[in-house]
PDB file of all heavy atoms in Angstrom:
ATOM      1  N   GLN A   1     -10.145   4.753   4.465  1.00  0.00           N
ATOM      2  CA  GLN A   1     -10.380   4.199   3.088  1.00  0.00           C
ATOM      3  C   GLN A   1      -9.386   3.001   2.835  1.00  0.00           C
ATOM      4  O   GLN A   1      -8.264   3.142   3.349  1.00  0.00           O
ATOM      5  CB  GLN A   1     -10.302   5.234   2.026  1.00  0.00           C
ATOM      6  CG  GLN A   1     -10.789   4.726   0.594  1.00  0.00           C
ATOM      7  CD  GLN A   1     -10.454   5.711  -0.507  1.00  0.00           C
ATOM      8  OE1 GLN A   1      -9.949   6.921  -0.238  1.00  0.00           O
ATOM      9  NE2 GLN A   1     -10.738   5.308  -1.714  1.00  0.00           N
ATOM     10  N   ILE A   2      -9.815   2.089   2.064  1.00  0.00           N
ATOM     11  CA  ILE A   2      -8.907   0.967   1.639  1.00  0.00           C
ATOM     12  C   ILE A   2      -8.945   0.918   0.165  1.00  0.00           C
ATOM     13  O   ILE A   2      -9.984   1.229  -0.538  1.00  0.00           O
ATOM     14  CB  ILE A   2      -9.160  -0.382   2.276  1.00  0.00           C
ATOM     15  CG1 ILE A   2     -10.611  -0.792   2.065  1.00  0.00           C
ATOM     16  CG2 ILE A   2      -8.840  -0.313   3.741  1.00  0.00           C
ATOM     17  CD1 ILE A   2     -10.944  -2.177   2.675  1.00  0.00           C
ATOM     18  N   ALA A   3      -7.930   0.346  -0.424  1.00  0.00           N
ATOM     19  CA  ALA A   3      -7.779   0.013  -1.900  1.00  0.00           C
ATOM     20  C   ALA A   3      -7.085  -1.156  -2.078  1.00  0.00           C
ATOM     21  O   ALA A   3      -5.960  -1.364  -1.398  1.00  0.00           O
ATOM     22  CB  ALA A   3      -7.221   1.304  -2.678  1.00  0.00           C
ATOM     23  N   VAL A   4      -7.487  -2.094  -2.900  1.00  0.00           N
ATOM     24  CA  VAL A   4      -6.830  -3.348  -3.135  1.00  0.00           C
ATOM     25  C   VAL A   4      -6.467  -3.600  -4.537  1.00  0.00           C
ATOM     26  O   VAL A   4      -7.260  -3.405  -5.430  1.00  0.00           O
ATOM     27  CB  VAL A   4      -7.849  -4.384  -2.544  1.00  0.00           C
ATOM     28  CG1 VAL A   4      -7.386  -5.869  -2.911  1.00  0.00           C
ATOM     29  CG2 VAL A   4      -8.056  -4.318  -1.106  1.00  0.00           C
ATOM     30  N   GLY A   5      -5.254  -4.084  -4.728  1.00  0.00           N
ATOM     31  CA  GLY A   5      -4.728  -4.548  -6.085  1.00  0.00           C
ATOM     32  C   GLY A   5      -4.770  -6.016  -6.199  1.00  0.00           C
ATOM     33  O   GLY A   5      -5.537  -6.684  -5.382  1.00  0.00           O
ATOM     34  N   ALA A   6      -4.078  -6.570  -7.230  1.00  0.00           N
ATOM     35  CA  ALA A   6      -4.104  -8.000  -7.338  1.00  0.00           C
ATOM     36  C   ALA A   6      -3.659  -8.789  -6.063  1.00  0.00           C
ATOM     37  O   ALA A   6      -4.357  -9.629  -5.659  1.00  0.00           O
ATOM     38  CB  ALA A   6      -3.303  -8.329  -8.586  1.00  0.00           C
ATOM     39  N   ASP A   7      -2.478  -8.409  -5.557  1.00  0.00           N
ATOM     40  CA  ASP A   7      -1.910  -9.138  -4.446  1.00  0.00           C
ATOM     41  C   ASP A   7      -1.229  -8.235  -3.409  1.00  0.00           C
ATOM     42  O   ASP A   7      -0.244  -8.507  -2.868  1.00  0.00           O
ATOM     43  CB  ASP A   7      -0.998 -10.236  -4.885  1.00  0.00           C
ATOM     44  CG  ASP A   7       0.035  -9.626  -5.957  1.00  0.00           C
ATOM     45  OD1 ASP A   7       0.370  -8.424  -5.909  1.00  0.00           O
ATOM     46  OD2 ASP A   7       0.437 -10.500  -6.758  1.00  0.00           O
ATOM     47  N   PHE A   8      -1.859  -7.008  -3.366  1.00  0.00           N
ATOM     48  CA  PHE A   8      -1.439  -6.031  -2.350  1.00  0.00           C
ATOM     49  C   PHE A   8      -2.530  -5.167  -1.905  1.00  0.00           C
ATOM     50  O   PHE A   8      -3.626  -5.180  -2.575  1.00  0.00           O
ATOM     51  CB  PHE A   8      -0.297  -5.068  -2.839  1.00  0.00           C
ATOM     52  CG  PHE A   8      -0.727  -4.107  -3.790  1.00  0.00           C
ATOM     53  CD1 PHE A   8      -0.849  -2.704  -3.408  1.00  0.00           C
ATOM     54  CD2 PHE A   8      -1.032  -4.313  -5.103  1.00  0.00           C
ATOM     55  CE1 PHE A   8      -1.268  -1.769  -4.302  1.00  0.00           C
ATOM     56  CE2 PHE A   8      -1.446  -3.439  -6.002  1.00  0.00           C
ATOM     57  CZ  PHE A   8      -1.515  -2.028  -5.624  1.00  0.00           C
ATOM     58  N   ALA A   9      -2.458  -4.463  -0.844  1.00  0.00           N
ATOM     59  CA  ALA A   9      -3.515  -3.575  -0.469  1.00  0.00           C
ATOM     60  C   ALA A   9      -2.968  -2.263   0.220  1.00  0.00           C
ATOM     61  O   ALA A   9      -1.784  -2.233   0.613  1.00  0.00           O
ATOM     62  CB  ALA A   9      -4.456  -4.266   0.603  1.00  0.00           C
ATOM     63  N   CYS A  10      -3.689  -1.200   0.242  1.00  0.00           N
ATOM     64  CA  CYS A  10      -3.327   0.105   0.764  1.00  0.00           C
ATOM     65  C   CYS A  10      -4.451   0.632   1.692  1.00  0.00           C
ATOM     66  O   CYS A  10      -5.582   0.359   1.365  1.00  0.00           O
ATOM     67  CB  CYS A  10      -2.990   1.053  -0.350  1.00  0.00           C
ATOM     68  SG  CYS A  10      -1.621   0.638  -1.387  1.00  0.00           S
ATOM     69  N   ALA A  11      -4.022   1.411   2.657  1.00  0.00           N
ATOM     70  CA  ALA A  11      -4.922   1.993   3.579  1.00  0.00           C
ATOM     71  C   ALA A  11      -4.677   3.445   3.665  1.00  0.00           C
ATOM     72  O   ALA A  11      -3.508   3.922   3.840  1.00  0.00           O
ATOM     73  CB  ALA A  11      -4.969   1.390   4.921  1.00  0.00           C
ATOM     74  N   LEU A  12      -5.682   4.334   3.606  1.00  0.00           N
ATOM     75  CA  LEU A  12      -5.593   5.811   3.913  1.00  0.00           C
ATOM     76  C   LEU A  12      -5.950   6.024   5.306  1.00  0.00           C
ATOM     77  O   LEU A  12      -7.005   5.695   5.698  1.00  0.00           O
ATOM     78  CB  LEU A  12      -6.470   6.541   2.962  1.00  0.00           C
ATOM     79  CG  LEU A  12      -6.552   8.147   3.225  1.00  0.00           C
ATOM     80  CD1 LEU A  12      -5.212   8.792   2.978  1.00  0.00           C
ATOM     81  CD2 LEU A  12      -7.610   8.633   2.285  1.00  0.00           C
ATOM     82  N   LEU A  13      -5.040   6.599   6.069  1.00  0.00           N
ATOM     83  CA  LEU A  13      -5.228   6.968   7.485  1.00  0.00           C
ATOM     84  C   LEU A  13      -5.801   8.336   7.571  1.00  0.00           C
ATOM     85  O   LEU A  13      -5.679   9.244   6.683  1.00  0.00           O
ATOM     86  CB  LEU A  13      -3.967   6.873   8.252  1.00  0.00           C
ATOM     87  CG  LEU A  13      -3.048   5.583   8.170  1.00  0.00           C
ATOM     88  CD1 LEU A  13      -1.906   5.676   9.083  1.00  0.00           C
ATOM     89  CD2 LEU A  13      -3.965   4.368   8.304  1.00  0.00           C
ATOM     90  N   GLY A  14      -6.442   8.584   8.732  1.00  0.00           N
ATOM     91  CA  GLY A  14      -7.018   9.968   8.968  1.00  0.00           C
ATOM     92  C   GLY A  14      -5.956  10.991   9.027  1.00  0.00           C
ATOM     93  O   GLY A  14      -6.320  12.187   8.721  1.00  0.00           O
ATOM     94  N   THR A  15      -4.734  10.742   9.209  1.00  0.00           N
ATOM     95  CA  THR A  15      -3.580  11.691   9.145  1.00  0.00           C
ATOM     96  C   THR A  15      -3.222  12.078   7.731  1.00  0.00           C
ATOM     97  O   THR A  15      -2.486  12.981   7.566  1.00  0.00           O
ATOM     98  CB  THR A  15      -2.531  11.118   9.882  1.00  0.00           C
ATOM     99  OG1 THR A  15      -2.030   9.956   9.171  1.00  0.00           O
ATOM    100  CG2 THR A  15      -2.697  10.824  11.351  1.00  0.00           C
ATOM    101  N   GLY A  16      -3.818  11.270   6.683  1.00  0.00           N
ATOM    102  CA  GLY A  16      -3.396  11.610   5.310  1.00  0.00           C
ATOM    103  C   GLY A  16      -2.236  10.686   4.860  1.00  0.00           C
ATOM    104  O   GLY A  16      -1.848  10.640   3.662  1.00  0.00           O
ATOM    105  N   GLU A  17      -1.670   9.852   5.805  1.00  0.00           N
ATOM    106  CA  GLU A  17      -0.708   8.892   5.448  1.00  0.00           C
ATOM    107  C   GLU A  17      -1.376   7.659   4.648  1.00  0.00           C
ATOM    108  O   GLU A  17      -2.456   7.268   4.894  1.00  0.00           O
ATOM    109  CB  GLU A  17       0.038   8.321   6.741  1.00  0.00           C
ATOM    110  CG  GLU A  17       1.004   7.256   6.488  1.00  0.00           C
ATOM    111  CD  GLU A  17       1.743   6.777   7.821  1.00  0.00           C
ATOM    112  OE1 GLU A  17       2.326   7.698   8.462  1.00  0.00           O
ATOM    113  OE2 GLU A  17       1.628   5.660   8.121  1.00  0.00           O
ATOM    114  N   VAL A  18      -0.505   7.082   3.726  1.00  0.00           N
ATOM    115  CA  VAL A  18      -0.987   5.980   2.978  1.00  0.00           C
ATOM    116  C   VAL A  18      -0.002   4.839   3.268  1.00  0.00           C
ATOM    117  O   VAL A  18       1.207   4.918   3.051  1.00  0.00           O
ATOM    118  CB  VAL A  18      -0.962   6.232   1.417  1.00  0.00           C
ATOM    119  CG1 VAL A  18      -1.395   4.922   0.704  1.00  0.00           C
ATOM    120  CG2 VAL A  18      -1.986   7.302   1.145  1.00  0.00           C
ATOM    121  N   ASP A  19      -0.594   3.735   3.773  1.00  0.00           N
ATOM    122  CA  ASP A  19       0.198   2.534   4.137  1.00  0.00           C
ATOM    123  C   ASP A  19      -0.237   1.367   3.193  1.00  0.00           C
ATOM    124  O   ASP A  19      -1.398   1.174   3.006  1.00  0.00           O
ATOM    125  CB  ASP A  19      -0.004   2.136   5.580  1.00  0.00           C
ATOM    126  CG  ASP A  19       0.581   2.980   6.598  1.00  0.00           C
ATOM    127  OD1 ASP A  19       1.144   4.132   6.113  1.00  0.00           O
ATOM    128  OD2 ASP A  19       0.460   2.846   7.802  1.00  0.00           O
ATOM    129  N   CYS A  20       0.797   0.601   2.649  1.00  0.00           N
ATOM    130  CA  CYS A  20       0.579  -0.532   1.785  1.00  0.00           C
ATOM    131  C   CYS A  20       1.287  -1.743   2.248  1.00  0.00           C
ATOM    132  O   CYS A  20       2.294  -1.631   2.906  1.00  0.00           O
ATOM    133  CB  CYS A  20       0.884  -0.146   0.318  1.00  0.00           C
ATOM    134  SG  CYS A  20       0.068   1.221  -0.425  1.00  0.00           S
ATOM    135  N   TRP A  21       0.742  -2.953   1.926  1.00  0.00           N
ATOM    136  CA  TRP A  21       1.387  -4.191   2.304  1.00  0.00           C
ATOM    137  C   TRP A  21       1.073  -5.292   1.197  1.00  0.00           C
ATOM    138  O   TRP A  21       0.184  -5.033   0.446  1.00  0.00           O
ATOM    139  CB  TRP A  21       0.895  -4.583   3.690  1.00  0.00           C
ATOM    140  CG  TRP A  21      -0.558  -4.929   3.741  1.00  0.00           C
ATOM    141  CD1 TRP A  21      -1.245  -6.113   3.573  1.00  0.00           C
ATOM    142  CD2 TRP A  21      -1.685  -3.990   3.917  1.00  0.00           C
ATOM    143  NE1 TRP A  21      -2.595  -6.033   3.686  1.00  0.00           N
ATOM    144  CE2 TRP A  21      -2.865  -4.721   3.924  1.00  0.00           C
ATOM    145  CE3 TRP A  21      -1.800  -2.554   4.055  1.00  0.00           C
ATOM    146  CZ2 TRP A  21      -4.143  -4.082   4.073  1.00  0.00           C
ATOM    147  CZ3 TRP A  21      -2.974  -2.000   4.214  1.00  0.00           C
ATOM    148  CH2 TRP A  21      -4.190  -2.698   4.223  1.00  0.00           C
ATOM    149  N   GLY A  22       1.784  -6.406   1.340  1.00  0.00           N
ATOM    150  CA  GLY A  22       1.599  -7.466   0.357  1.00  0.00           C
ATOM    151  C   GLY A  22       2.795  -7.500  -0.571  1.00  0.00           C
ATOM    152  O   GLY A  22       3.964  -7.357  -0.199  1.00  0.00           O
ATOM    153  N   SER A  23       2.512  -7.726  -1.873  1.00  0.00           N
ATOM    154  CA  SER A  23       3.641  -7.830  -2.811  1.00  0.00           C
ATOM    155  C   SER A  23       4.154  -6.494  -3.237  1.00  0.00           C
ATOM    156  O   SER A  23       3.418  -5.479  -3.363  1.00  0.00           O
ATOM    157  CB  SER A  23       3.065  -8.524  -4.141  1.00  0.00           C
ATOM    158  OG  SER A  23       4.056  -8.577  -5.106  1.00  0.00           O
ATOM    159  N   ASN A  24       5.425  -6.376  -3.480  1.00  0.00           N
ATOM    160  CA  ASN A  24       6.100  -5.221  -3.844  1.00  0.00           C
ATOM    161  C   ASN A  24       6.897  -5.513  -5.247  1.00  0.00           C
ATOM    162  O   ASN A  24       7.897  -4.827  -5.492  1.00  0.00           O
ATOM    163  CB  ASN A  24       7.103  -4.616  -2.868  1.00  0.00           C
ATOM    164  CG  ASN A  24       7.394  -3.201  -3.163  1.00  0.00           C
ATOM    165  OD1 ASN A  24       6.664  -2.413  -3.505  1.00  0.00           O
ATOM    166  ND2 ASN A  24       8.700  -2.889  -2.941  1.00  0.00           N
ATOM    167  N   ASP A  25       6.504  -6.530  -6.013  1.00  0.00           N
ATOM    168  CA  ASP A  25       7.344  -6.934  -7.107  1.00  0.00           C
ATOM    169  C   ASP A  25       7.220  -5.884  -8.256  1.00  0.00           C
ATOM    170  O   ASP A  25       8.199  -5.849  -9.143  1.00  0.00           O
ATOM    171  CB  ASP A  25       6.870  -8.237  -7.640  1.00  0.00           C
ATOM    172  CG  ASP A  25       5.463  -8.309  -8.182  1.00  0.00           C
ATOM    173  OD1 ASP A  25       4.650  -7.492  -7.666  1.00  0.00           O
ATOM    174  OD2 ASP A  25       5.088  -9.125  -8.935  1.00  0.00           O
ATOM    175  N   GLN A  26       6.300  -4.989  -8.211  1.00  0.00           N
ATOM    176  CA  GLN A  26       6.261  -3.938  -9.260  1.00  0.00           C
ATOM    177  C   GLN A  26       6.279  -2.576  -8.517  1.00  0.00           C
ATOM    178  O   GLN A  26       5.942  -1.540  -9.167  1.00  0.00           O
ATOM    179  CB  GLN A  26       4.977  -4.010  -9.996  1.00  0.00           C
ATOM    180  CG  GLN A  26       4.785  -5.294 -10.747  1.00  0.00           C
ATOM    181  CD  GLN A  26       5.786  -5.469 -11.903  1.00  0.00           C
ATOM    182  OE1 GLN A  26       6.103  -4.563 -12.525  1.00  0.00           O
ATOM    183  NE2 GLN A  26       6.080  -6.739 -12.221  1.00  0.00           N
ATOM    184  N   GLY A  27       6.809  -2.525  -7.247  1.00  0.00           N
ATOM    185  CA  GLY A  27       6.938  -1.223  -6.553  1.00  0.00           C
ATOM    186  C   GLY A  27       5.620  -0.708  -5.995  1.00  0.00           C
ATOM    187  O   GLY A  27       5.545   0.499  -5.584  1.00  0.00           O
ATOM    188  N   GLN A  28       4.645  -1.597  -5.745  1.00  0.00           N
ATOM    189  CA  GLN A  28       3.331  -1.306  -5.286  1.00  0.00           C
ATOM    190  C   GLN A  28       3.414  -0.778  -3.819  1.00  0.00           C
ATOM    191  O   GLN A  28       2.609   0.002  -3.378  1.00  0.00           O
ATOM    192  CB  GLN A  28       2.420  -2.549  -5.237  1.00  0.00           C
ATOM    193  CG  GLN A  28       2.166  -3.197  -6.587  1.00  0.00           C
ATOM    194  CD  GLN A  28       3.133  -4.368  -6.691  1.00  0.00           C
ATOM    195  OE1 GLN A  28       4.328  -4.307  -6.540  1.00  0.00           O
ATOM    196  NE2 GLN A  28       2.480  -5.571  -6.931  1.00  0.00           N
ATOM    197  N   LEU A  29       4.500  -1.184  -3.080  1.00  0.00           N
ATOM    198  CA  LEU A  29       4.583  -0.641  -1.710  1.00  0.00           C
ATOM    199  C   LEU A  29       5.494   0.584  -1.561  1.00  0.00           C
ATOM    200  O   LEU A  29       5.709   0.971  -0.450  1.00  0.00           O
ATOM    201  CB  LEU A  29       5.085  -1.764  -0.783  1.00  0.00           C
ATOM    202  CG  LEU A  29       4.406  -3.158  -0.895  1.00  0.00           C
ATOM    203  CD1 LEU A  29       4.815  -4.061   0.255  1.00  0.00           C
ATOM    204  CD2 LEU A  29       2.933  -2.978  -0.781  1.00  0.00           C
ATOM    205  N   GLY A  30       6.036   1.015  -2.677  1.00  0.00           N
ATOM    206  CA  GLY A  30       6.968   2.078  -2.647  1.00  0.00           C
ATOM    207  C   GLY A  30       8.335   1.623  -2.185  1.00  0.00           C
ATOM    208  O   GLY A  30       8.543   0.350  -2.001  1.00  0.00           O
ATOM    209  N   PRO A  31       9.325   2.468  -1.895  1.00  0.00           N
ATOM    210  CA  PRO A  31      10.616   1.961  -1.467  1.00  0.00           C
ATOM    211  C   PRO A  31      10.588   1.408  -0.077  1.00  0.00           C
ATOM    212  O   PRO A  31       9.980   1.999   0.918  1.00  0.00           O
ATOM    213  CB  PRO A  31      11.487   3.244  -1.429  1.00  0.00           C
ATOM    214  CG  PRO A  31      10.468   4.366  -1.302  1.00  0.00           C
ATOM    215  CD  PRO A  31       9.276   3.859  -2.096  1.00  0.00           C
ATOM    216  N   LEU A  32      11.078   0.195   0.137  1.00  0.00           N
ATOM    217  CA  LEU A  32      11.059  -0.513   1.377  1.00  0.00           C
ATOM    218  C   LEU A  32      12.510  -0.438   2.150  1.00  0.00           C
ATOM    219  O   LEU A  32      13.592  -0.524   1.372  1.00  0.00           O
ATOM    220  CB  LEU A  32      10.744  -1.972   1.232  1.00  0.00           C
ATOM    221  CG  LEU A  32       9.268  -2.248   0.801  1.00  0.00           C
ATOM    222  CD1 LEU A  32       9.086  -3.778   0.599  1.00  0.00           C
ATOM    223  CD2 LEU A  32       8.310  -1.754   1.785  1.00  0.00           C
ATOM    224  N   ASP A  33      12.499  -0.268   3.396  1.00  0.00           N
ATOM    225  CA  ASP A  33      13.748  -0.336   4.130  1.00  0.00           C
ATOM    226  C   ASP A  33      14.165  -1.699   4.272  1.00  0.00           C
ATOM    227  O   ASP A  33      13.354  -2.700   4.065  1.00  0.00           O
ATOM    228  CB  ASP A  33      13.574   0.336   5.441  1.00  0.00           C
ATOM    229  CG  ASP A  33      13.268   1.814   5.479  1.00  0.00           C
ATOM    230  OD1 ASP A  33      13.743   2.445   4.391  1.00  0.00           O
ATOM    231  OD2 ASP A  33      12.544   2.277   6.383  1.00  0.00           O
TER     232      ASP A  33
END
């Protein structure tokens, strides 16, 4: 499954993991290393 915000996107993997990319100016990607 995918979900898209204004300027970021997220993907749900078959493992149950959620990955996001794009802008993180409001924390949309969670904590980044």
